[in-house]
Amino acid sequence: MHALLVNPWIYDFKCHDFWIKPYGLLKIATILKNNGFSVDLIDCMDRFAPEMKNYKVKDEEFGKGKFYYEELIKPEIYMKIPRKYKRYGMPVDVFKDKLNKVDKPDIIIITSSMTYNYEGVFLAIDILKEKFERIKIILGGIYATLCTEHAKKNKKISFVWKGPIDKTFFRLIKQCTGKEIDCNENLNEIIPDYSFYKNIPYVVMRLTYGCPFNCTYCAIKDFYNGYYQRDRENVLAELKKYHEMGITDIAFYDDALLYKNFYIKSILKEIIKLNFKFRFHTPNGLHASYIDEELAGLLKKSGFVDLRISLETSDYEMQKKTGGKVTNESFKTAIENLKKAGYTGKDIGVYILAGLPGQTYDSVLKDVNYLMDKKVKIKLANYSPIPGTVDFLQIKPDIRAQIAAEPLKQNELYFLTLNNDFGWEENEKIKIIINEYNNKL
């Protein structure tokens, strides 16, 4: 049996390689190979593929960088957004050339990123169906999970998979191929297969799955219900493998990496003892409440760099309303502990949300001033309206119906054109203030 896995393009106004890898597909590849499948992966977002040598844009520190892109005509609903619309990733002709070199698959599995990026998914499906008309396609990932009914309208997709990869998913593959798949092992412990990449400057990892918190703007419960910490020895074995591969940069995709922090502490102590020389990154943000003095020191000694901390808002009432995972007091203590451990303000990037239902320019500016006082780097994260979340229900019913019906309208920049409390003009003013401050930090 042969499987073809595809990570499609991203259509958006902005996209940067902050350690983007199709983590779920890479785990599926491991399981399929363990069950006798041969597997091909075409990752449209692989900046380092040999075929992309003539399309290189700009590499940055820690494996980050800019994607090659081609400018597109904006969909009609985006005409009010004063930005260029682009398809990020390898040129379509390169994708087709790679497709011509793979064996005919028995099953095709495609992942999807944010809901409003589905145009890249549909383009990949169109091309795949043109070449492999009778082969069944399974679509999973973020868009497939959050906008399942919308995805099902595309009749070229055989099955839309909602939620995490579990044993039922592999029964679906058996249904499509007739091939029995043994997956009695704990799927949370499966190590992703990076052998498809000829050049790989970084890998991504998970130490935990799910999140014990209930933030009103987050849809994590649709992807993993509950909270799971991986076996400590398996984590260390995976890290040893990457050490032997010569990997330096590792990004954690965890949503609650520091929860019950004795777990992460025990792993970091072993990393230090083993003298692994990694640079760890936390693009999803760390929970400030768990950064005590000991953990701050371990983060520094074990190689965590360019930290990302989640604050979201400094407003006490909004903190309580949105989930209560952090307070200004616990945040202040965390920053003090990190600076005692040797981090500077430039090393600590703090996320604040802008555009939450009920949030105004003045409240976002208050958050900006609060972080300026703490002398840390400010990272503005625009609110994206996600169907099914508590905050989504706070949006006016007529607007909410439009957004739910068309995933393109879930783009955070599009929402700025609808948001009377915090719109495009307010966002641009805040960005100027933040950029001027960060540049002087």
Protein backbone atom coordinates (compact mmCIF):
# COMPACT_ATOMS: atom_id res chain seq x y z
CA MET A 1 0.00 0.00 0.00
CA HIS A 2 1.13 3.52 -0.78
CA ALA A 3 0.01 6.74 0.89
CA LEU A 4 0.47 10.30 -0.31
CA LEU A 5 0.45 13.02 2.37
CA VAL A 6 0.06 16.68 1.39
CA ASN A 7 0.56 19.90 3.33
CA PRO A 8 -1.04 22.54 1.05
CA TRP A 9 -0.39 26.23 0.40
CA ILE A 10 -1.47 29.09 2.62
CA TYR A 11 -3.53 31.89 1.09
CA ASP A 12 -3.38 35.01 3.25
CA PHE A 13 -2.23 38.60 3.59
CA LYS A 14 0.73 37.58 5.73
CA CYS A 15 2.56 34.37 6.50
CA HIS A 16 5.97 33.82 8.04
CA ASP A 17 7.84 30.62 8.82
CA PHE A 18 7.67 30.61 12.59
CA TRP A 19 8.59 26.92 12.70
CA ILE A 20 5.75 25.63 10.51
CA LYS A 21 5.67 21.88 10.00
CA PRO A 22 2.69 19.51 9.38
CA TYR A 23 3.09 17.79 12.75
CA GLY A 24 -0.03 15.63 12.47
CA LEU A 25 0.88 14.35 8.99
CA LEU A 26 4.38 13.46 10.17
CA LYS A 27 2.94 11.35 13.00
CA ILE A 28 0.55 9.65 10.58
CA ALA A 29 3.56 8.86 8.37
CA THR A 30 5.29 7.11 11.27
CA ILE A 31 2.27 4.91 11.96
CA LEU A 32 1.67 4.07 8.30
CA LYS A 33 5.31 3.11 7.77
CA ASN A 34 5.19 0.94 10.89
CA ASN A 35 2.30 -0.88 9.22
CA GLY A 36 4.04 -1.57 5.94
CA PHE A 37 2.90 1.41 3.88
CA SER A 38 5.28 3.27 1.63
CA VAL A 39 4.71 7.00 2.10
CA ASP A 40 5.35 10.17 0.12
CA LEU A 41 5.00 13.66 1.55
CA ILE A 42 4.65 16.83 -0.48
CA ASP A 43 4.98 19.82 1.81
CA CYS A 44 4.09 22.97 -0.13
CA MET A 45 5.45 25.04 2.77
CA ASP A 46 8.92 23.49 2.81
CA ARG A 47 11.21 26.48 2.17
CA PHE A 48 14.28 24.23 2.12
CA ALA A 49 13.14 21.67 -0.46
CA PRO A 50 15.78 21.15 -3.19
CA GLU A 51 13.24 22.29 -5.79
CA MET A 52 12.98 25.66 -4.00
CA LYS A 53 16.63 26.65 -4.44
CA ASN A 54 15.67 29.13 -7.19
CA TYR A 55 12.82 30.54 -5.09
CA LYS A 56 14.62 31.30 -1.84
CA VAL A 57 13.52 34.52 -0.15
CA LYS A 58 15.17 35.27 3.18
CA ASP A 59 16.35 33.10 6.05
CA GLU A 60 16.42 34.47 9.58
CA GLU A 61 17.81 33.35 12.91
CA PHE A 62 16.74 30.12 14.60
CA GLY A 63 15.47 28.55 11.35
CA LYS A 64 12.76 31.16 10.79
CA GLY A 65 12.31 32.96 7.51
CA LYS A 66 10.10 34.30 4.75
CA PHE A 67 8.11 32.13 2.38
CA TYR A 68 8.18 32.45 -1.37
CA TYR A 69 4.82 33.85 -2.51
CA GLU A 70 2.86 34.82 -5.58
CA GLU A 71 0.44 37.74 -5.45
CA LEU A 72 -3.20 36.92 -6.24
CA ILE A 73 -6.38 38.81 -6.98
CA LYS A 74 -8.20 39.33 -3.70
CA PRO A 75 -11.55 37.64 -3.14
CA GLU A 76 -14.37 40.19 -3.36
CA ILE A 77 -15.02 40.15 0.39
CA TYR A 78 -11.42 41.23 1.07
CA MET A 79 -11.48 44.34 -1.12
CA LYS A 80 -11.68 46.65 1.91
CA ILE A 81 -8.44 45.26 3.32
CA PRO A 82 -5.52 47.47 2.18
CA ARG A 83 -3.07 44.59 1.86
CA LYS A 84 -1.83 42.39 -0.97
CA TYR A 85 -3.28 38.89 -1.07
CA LYS A 86 -0.82 36.05 -1.66
CA ARG A 87 -0.36 32.33 -2.09
CA TYR A 88 2.54 31.30 0.13
CA GLY A 89 4.63 28.22 -0.57
CA MET A 90 6.15 26.48 -3.56
CA PRO A 91 5.05 27.46 -7.08
CA VAL A 92 2.18 25.36 -8.42
CA ASP A 93 4.38 24.00 -11.23
CA VAL A 94 6.88 22.72 -8.66
CA PHE A 95 4.06 20.94 -6.84
CA LYS A 96 2.89 19.33 -10.09
CA ASP A 97 6.43 18.24 -10.94
CA LYS A 98 6.82 16.61 -7.53
CA LEU A 99 3.44 14.95 -7.97
CA ASN A 100 4.57 13.42 -11.26
CA LYS A 101 7.46 11.74 -9.47
CA VAL A 102 5.45 9.93 -6.78
CA ASP A 103 3.98 6.45 -7.12
CA LYS A 104 0.24 6.19 -7.61
CA PRO A 105 -1.22 6.26 -4.09
CA ASP A 106 -3.87 4.01 -2.58
CA ILE A 107 -4.94 6.84 -0.26
CA ILE A 108 -4.32 10.60 -0.11
CA ILE A 109 -4.33 12.45 3.21
CA ILE A 110 -4.32 16.25 3.31
CA THR A 111 -4.01 18.52 6.31
CA SER A 112 -5.38 22.06 6.69
CA SER A 113 -4.27 25.08 8.65
CA MET A 114 -6.40 28.05 9.69
CA THR A 115 -10.03 28.05 8.58
CA TYR A 116 -9.60 31.06 6.28
CA ASN A 117 -6.68 29.40 4.44
CA TYR A 118 -8.88 26.75 2.82
CA GLU A 119 -8.30 28.03 -0.73
CA GLY A 120 -4.86 26.39 -0.68
CA VAL A 121 -6.47 23.12 0.41
CA PHE A 122 -9.00 23.26 -2.43
CA LEU A 123 -6.31 24.03 -5.01
CA ALA A 124 -4.30 21.00 -3.91
CA ILE A 125 -7.41 18.80 -4.06
CA ASP A 126 -8.26 20.00 -7.58
CA ILE A 127 -4.77 19.14 -8.83
CA LEU A 128 -4.72 15.78 -7.03
CA LYS A 129 -8.11 14.76 -8.38
CA GLU A 130 -7.10 15.70 -11.89
CA LYS A 131 -4.17 13.27 -11.67
CA PHE A 132 -5.62 10.60 -9.37
CA GLU A 133 -9.32 10.78 -10.15
CA ARG A 134 -10.40 7.58 -8.39
CA ILE A 135 -8.20 7.79 -5.30
CA LYS A 136 -9.98 8.66 -2.07
CA ILE A 137 -8.95 11.81 -0.23
CA ILE A 138 -9.15 12.30 3.54
CA LEU A 139 -8.98 15.90 4.76
CA GLY A 140 -8.11 16.70 8.39
CA GLY A 141 -6.60 19.55 10.37
CA ILE A 142 -7.82 22.87 11.73
CA TYR A 143 -10.14 23.95 8.91
CA ALA A 144 -11.59 20.45 8.61
CA THR A 145 -12.31 20.35 12.36
CA LEU A 146 -13.73 23.85 12.85
CA CYS A 147 -15.59 24.17 9.53
CA THR A 148 -16.53 20.56 8.87
CA GLU A 149 -19.82 21.26 7.08
CA HIS A 150 -18.20 23.85 4.82
CA ALA A 151 -15.46 21.36 3.88
CA LYS A 152 -18.02 18.64 3.15
CA LYS A 153 -19.51 20.81 0.41
CA ASN A 154 -16.39 20.07 -1.64
CA LYS A 155 -17.47 16.81 -3.26
CA LYS A 156 -13.93 15.97 -4.33
CA ILE A 157 -13.13 15.22 -0.69
CA SER A 158 -14.04 11.64 0.22
CA PHE A 159 -13.95 12.08 4.00
CA VAL A 160 -13.61 15.13 6.27
CA TRP A 161 -11.95 14.13 9.53
CA LYS A 162 -12.92 16.18 12.59
CA GLY A 163 -10.73 16.31 15.66
CA PRO A 164 -7.49 14.61 16.70
CA ILE A 165 -5.81 11.59 15.15
CA ASP A 166 -7.12 8.54 17.00
CA LYS A 167 -7.63 4.84 16.36
CA THR A 168 -10.91 5.52 14.56
CA PHE A 169 -8.97 7.56 12.02
CA PHE A 170 -6.90 4.51 11.11
CA ARG A 171 -10.03 2.40 10.84
CA LEU A 172 -11.13 4.92 8.21
CA ILE A 173 -7.89 4.32 6.32
CA LYS A 174 -8.58 0.58 6.49
CA GLN A 175 -12.06 1.26 5.10
CA CYS A 176 -10.48 3.14 2.17
CA THR A 177 -7.61 0.76 1.43
CA GLY A 178 -8.55 -2.61 2.91
CA LYS A 179 -5.26 -2.59 4.82
CA GLU A 180 -5.39 -3.45 8.53
CA ILE A 181 -3.48 -0.96 10.69
CA ASP A 182 -2.20 -1.93 14.10
CA CYS A 183 -2.16 1.12 16.35
CA ASN A 184 -2.46 -0.33 19.83
CA GLU A 185 0.34 1.92 20.99
CA ASN A 186 -0.39 5.26 22.65
CA LEU A 187 -0.79 7.67 19.72
CA ASN A 188 0.26 10.61 21.92
CA GLU A 189 3.71 9.04 22.15
CA ILE A 190 4.28 8.61 18.41
CA ILE A 191 7.38 10.46 17.15
CA PRO A 192 6.90 12.36 13.86
CA ASP A 193 8.86 11.21 10.81
CA TYR A 194 11.18 13.95 9.50
CA SER A 195 12.96 11.71 6.99
CA PHE A 196 11.05 13.32 4.09
CA TYR A 197 13.04 16.54 4.45
CA LYS A 198 16.38 16.80 2.66
CA ASN A 199 17.28 19.98 4.51
CA ILE A 200 15.76 20.60 7.92
CA PRO A 201 16.92 23.53 10.06
CA TYR A 202 14.42 22.84 12.85
CA VAL A 203 11.86 20.34 14.14
CA VAL A 204 8.66 20.76 16.13
CA MET A 205 7.69 18.76 19.21
CA ARG A 206 4.91 18.23 21.70
CA LEU A 207 5.49 17.27 25.30
CA THR A 208 1.81 17.67 26.16
CA TYR A 209 -1.59 17.56 24.47
CA GLY A 210 -4.67 19.62 25.24
CA CYS A 211 -5.14 22.33 27.83
CA PRO A 212 -6.77 22.34 31.29
CA PHE A 213 -7.94 25.95 30.87
CA ASN A 214 -11.10 27.23 29.22
CA CYS A 215 -10.17 30.49 27.52
CA THR A 216 -13.22 31.97 25.83
CA TYR A 217 -11.42 32.81 22.57
CA CYS A 218 -9.79 29.39 22.10
CA ALA A 219 -10.99 26.24 20.31
CA ILE A 220 -8.45 23.77 21.74
CA LYS A 221 -11.21 21.51 23.14
CA ASP A 222 -12.26 20.72 19.56
CA PHE A 223 -8.84 19.16 18.99
CA TYR A 224 -8.08 17.45 22.27
CA ASN A 225 -10.41 16.99 25.22
CA GLY A 226 -8.49 16.82 28.48
CA TYR A 227 -4.78 17.19 29.19
CA TYR A 228 -1.98 14.69 28.66
CA GLN A 229 1.71 14.80 29.54
CA ARG A 230 3.91 12.45 27.54
CA ASP A 231 6.08 9.77 29.07
CA ARG A 232 9.22 11.47 30.27
CA GLU A 233 11.57 8.77 28.96
CA ASN A 234 9.97 8.89 25.50
CA VAL A 235 10.45 12.65 25.40
CA LEU A 236 14.12 12.31 26.28
CA ALA A 237 14.57 9.55 23.66
CA GLU A 238 13.06 11.84 21.02
CA LEU A 239 15.36 14.67 22.05
CA LYS A 240 18.34 12.33 21.87
CA LYS A 241 17.34 11.41 18.32
CA TYR A 242 17.28 15.07 17.28
CA HIS A 243 20.59 15.66 19.03
CA GLU A 244 22.13 12.84 16.97
CA MET A 245 20.59 14.32 13.80
CA GLY A 246 22.42 17.58 14.49
CA ILE A 247 19.22 19.58 15.04
CA THR A 248 19.71 22.81 16.96
CA ASP A 249 16.31 24.54 16.93
CA ILE A 250 13.19 22.93 18.36
CA ALA A 251 9.78 24.62 18.57
CA PHE A 252 7.16 23.35 21.00
CA TYR A 253 3.58 23.24 19.74
CA ASP A 254 2.16 22.69 23.25
CA ASP A 255 -0.80 24.74 24.44
CA ALA A 256 0.00 24.29 28.13
CA LEU A 257 3.66 23.29 28.26
CA LEU A 258 4.26 24.52 31.81
CA TYR A 259 1.11 23.22 33.51
CA LYS A 260 1.96 21.24 36.68
CA ASN A 261 5.49 22.51 36.19
CA PHE A 262 7.24 19.72 38.11
CA TYR A 263 6.88 17.73 34.87
CA ILE A 264 8.69 20.19 32.62
CA LYS A 265 11.23 20.85 35.37
CA SER A 266 12.17 17.16 35.53
CA ILE A 267 12.71 17.07 31.75
CA LEU A 268 14.75 20.27 31.67
CA LYS A 269 17.00 18.98 34.45
CA GLU A 270 17.75 15.89 32.35
CA ILE A 271 18.43 18.02 29.25
CA ILE A 272 20.96 20.04 31.25
CA LYS A 273 22.52 16.87 32.70
CA LEU A 274 22.81 15.29 29.21
CA ASN A 275 24.39 18.51 27.91
CA PHE A 276 22.07 18.71 24.88
CA LYS A 277 22.75 21.96 23.01
CA PHE A 278 19.32 22.93 21.73
CA ARG A 279 17.62 26.26 21.23
CA PHE A 280 13.99 25.89 22.29
CA HIS A 281 11.15 28.12 21.04
CA THR A 282 7.60 28.60 22.28
CA PRO A 283 5.51 30.20 19.50
CA ASN A 284 2.22 29.25 21.22
CA GLY A 285 3.14 31.20 24.35
CA LEU A 286 3.93 30.10 27.91
CA HIS A 287 1.65 30.34 30.95
CA ALA A 288 3.18 33.02 33.16
CA SER A 289 1.54 31.62 36.30
CA TYR A 290 3.92 28.64 36.36
CA ILE A 291 7.21 30.49 35.87
CA ASP A 292 8.62 30.41 39.37
CA GLU A 293 12.26 31.19 40.14
CA GLU A 294 13.45 27.59 39.70
CA LEU A 295 11.69 27.11 36.36
CA ALA A 296 12.98 30.42 35.02
CA GLY A 297 16.53 29.28 35.77
CA LEU A 298 15.94 25.91 34.12
CA LEU A 299 14.48 27.54 31.00
CA LYS A 300 17.60 29.65 30.66
CA LYS A 301 20.10 26.86 31.34
CA SER A 302 18.40 24.33 29.05
CA GLY A 303 18.35 26.64 26.02
CA PHE A 304 14.99 28.42 25.77
CA VAL A 305 15.52 31.55 23.68
CA ASP A 306 13.34 34.30 22.25
CA LEU A 307 10.59 33.47 24.75
CA ARG A 308 6.87 34.01 24.12
CA ILE A 309 4.66 34.60 27.16
CA SER A 310 0.87 34.79 27.02
CA LEU A 311 -0.79 37.71 28.82
CA GLU A 312 -3.65 38.51 26.38
CA THR A 313 -4.89 41.41 28.51
CA SER A 314 -3.89 43.32 31.64
CA ASP A 315 -7.50 44.25 32.41
CA TYR A 316 -8.57 42.40 35.57
CA GLU A 317 -12.23 42.07 34.60
CA MET A 318 -11.39 40.83 31.12
CA GLN A 319 -8.86 38.36 32.55
CA LYS A 320 -11.62 36.83 34.68
CA LYS A 321 -14.13 36.93 31.84
CA THR A 322 -11.87 35.22 29.30
CA GLY A 323 -10.71 32.32 31.48
CA GLY A 324 -8.57 33.59 34.35
CA LYS A 325 -5.37 31.73 33.46
CA VAL A 326 -3.11 34.63 34.44
CA THR A 327 -3.21 37.67 36.72
CA ASN A 328 -1.09 40.80 36.61
CA GLU A 329 0.52 39.73 39.87
CA SER A 330 1.55 36.30 38.57
CA PHE A 331 2.69 37.85 35.28
CA LYS A 332 4.81 40.45 37.09
CA THR A 333 6.43 37.70 39.19
CA ALA A 334 7.16 35.63 36.08
CA ILE A 335 8.91 38.52 34.34
CA GLU A 336 10.96 39.26 37.44
CA ASN A 337 12.00 35.60 37.68
CA LEU A 338 12.98 35.46 34.01
CA LYS A 339 15.10 38.59 34.31
CA LYS A 340 16.78 37.21 37.45
CA ALA A 341 17.61 34.10 35.40
CA GLY A 342 19.45 36.22 32.84
CA TYR A 343 16.82 37.07 30.21
CA THR A 344 16.60 40.65 29.00
CA GLY A 345 13.47 42.51 27.95
CA LYS A 346 14.42 41.85 24.30
CA ASP A 347 14.41 38.11 25.00
CA ILE A 348 10.83 38.14 26.32
CA GLY A 349 8.00 38.64 23.85
CA VAL A 350 4.55 39.00 25.39
CA TYR A 351 1.32 38.35 23.48
CA ILE A 352 -1.62 40.70 23.92
CA LEU A 353 -4.90 40.26 22.10
CA ALA A 354 -6.54 43.09 20.18
CA GLY A 355 -10.11 43.09 18.93
CA LEU A 356 -11.81 40.77 21.40
CA PRO A 357 -15.58 41.39 21.60
CA GLY A 358 -16.00 44.43 23.84
CA GLN A 359 -12.32 45.41 23.68
CA THR A 360 -11.64 49.02 22.70
CA TYR A 361 -8.66 51.04 21.53
CA ASP A 362 -8.23 52.50 25.03
CA SER A 363 -8.19 49.06 26.66
CA VAL A 364 -5.59 47.74 24.19
CA LEU A 365 -3.50 50.89 24.68
CA LYS A 366 -3.68 50.26 28.43
CA ASP A 367 -2.24 46.78 27.85
CA VAL A 368 0.54 48.27 25.70
CA ASN A 369 1.45 50.79 28.38
CA TYR A 370 1.40 48.06 31.01
CA LEU A 371 3.99 46.03 29.08
CA MET A 372 6.09 49.09 28.32
CA ASP A 373 6.35 49.60 32.07
CA LYS A 374 7.60 46.01 32.41
CA LYS A 375 10.21 46.64 29.68
CA VAL A 376 9.46 43.55 27.61
CA LYS A 377 8.88 43.09 23.89
CA ILE A 378 5.23 43.46 22.85
CA LYS A 379 3.64 40.99 20.41
CA LEU A 380 0.23 42.06 19.12
CA ALA A 381 -2.12 39.20 18.27
CA ASN A 382 -5.32 40.18 16.49
CA TYR A 383 -8.45 38.35 17.57
CA SER A 384 -9.77 35.85 15.05
CA PRO A 385 -13.47 34.93 15.41
CA ILE A 386 -13.60 31.14 15.75
CA PRO A 387 -17.01 29.45 15.49
CA GLY A 388 -17.90 27.38 18.53
CA THR A 389 -15.97 29.48 21.04
CA VAL A 390 -17.62 31.47 23.83
CA ASP A 391 -16.37 34.79 22.49
CA PHE A 392 -17.78 34.03 19.05
CA LEU A 393 -21.26 34.07 20.61
CA GLN A 394 -20.65 37.66 21.77
CA ILE A 395 -20.52 38.90 18.18
CA LYS A 396 -23.73 40.43 16.79
CA PRO A 397 -25.97 37.65 15.40
CA ASP A 398 -26.11 38.95 11.82
CA ILE A 399 -22.31 39.30 11.62
CA ARG A 400 -21.83 35.99 13.39
CA ALA A 401 -23.97 34.20 10.81
CA GLN A 402 -21.92 35.66 7.94
CA ILE A 403 -18.63 34.64 9.56
CA ALA A 404 -19.82 31.11 10.32
CA ALA A 405 -21.03 30.59 6.75
CA GLU A 406 -17.83 31.75 5.03
CA PRO A 407 -14.49 30.79 6.64
CA LEU A 408 -12.66 33.53 4.69
CA LYS A 409 -14.46 35.98 6.97
CA GLN A 410 -12.77 34.43 10.00
CA ASN A 411 -9.50 36.10 9.00
CA GLU A 412 -8.43 38.48 11.76
CA LEU A 413 -7.73 41.28 9.28
CA TYR A 414 -11.20 40.94 7.76
CA PHE A 415 -12.74 41.09 11.24
CA LEU A 416 -11.08 44.49 11.73
CA THR A 417 -13.28 45.82 8.90
CA LEU A 418 -16.40 44.71 10.85
CA ASN A 419 -15.38 45.57 14.40
CA ASN A 420 -16.73 48.97 15.46
CA ASP A 421 -14.98 48.79 18.85
CA PHE A 422 -11.51 48.07 17.47
CA GLY A 423 -11.17 48.45 13.73
CA TRP A 424 -8.50 48.89 11.10
CA GLU A 425 -7.62 52.48 12.02
CA GLU A 426 -7.26 51.68 15.72
CA ASN A 427 -5.15 48.63 14.93
CA GLU A 428 -2.73 50.62 12.76
CA LYS A 429 -2.30 53.26 15.47
CA ILE A 430 -1.53 50.59 18.08
CA LYS A 431 0.96 48.87 15.75
CA ILE A 432 2.89 52.11 15.21
CA ILE A 433 3.17 52.65 18.97
CA ILE A 434 4.32 49.06 19.55
CA ASN A 435 6.86 49.09 16.70
CA GLU A 436 8.42 52.33 17.87
CA TYR A 437 8.71 50.99 21.41
CA ASN A 438 10.07 47.56 20.41
CA ASN A 439 12.69 49.14 18.16
CA LYS A 440 14.00 51.19 21.07
CA LEU A 441 13.96 48.34 23.62
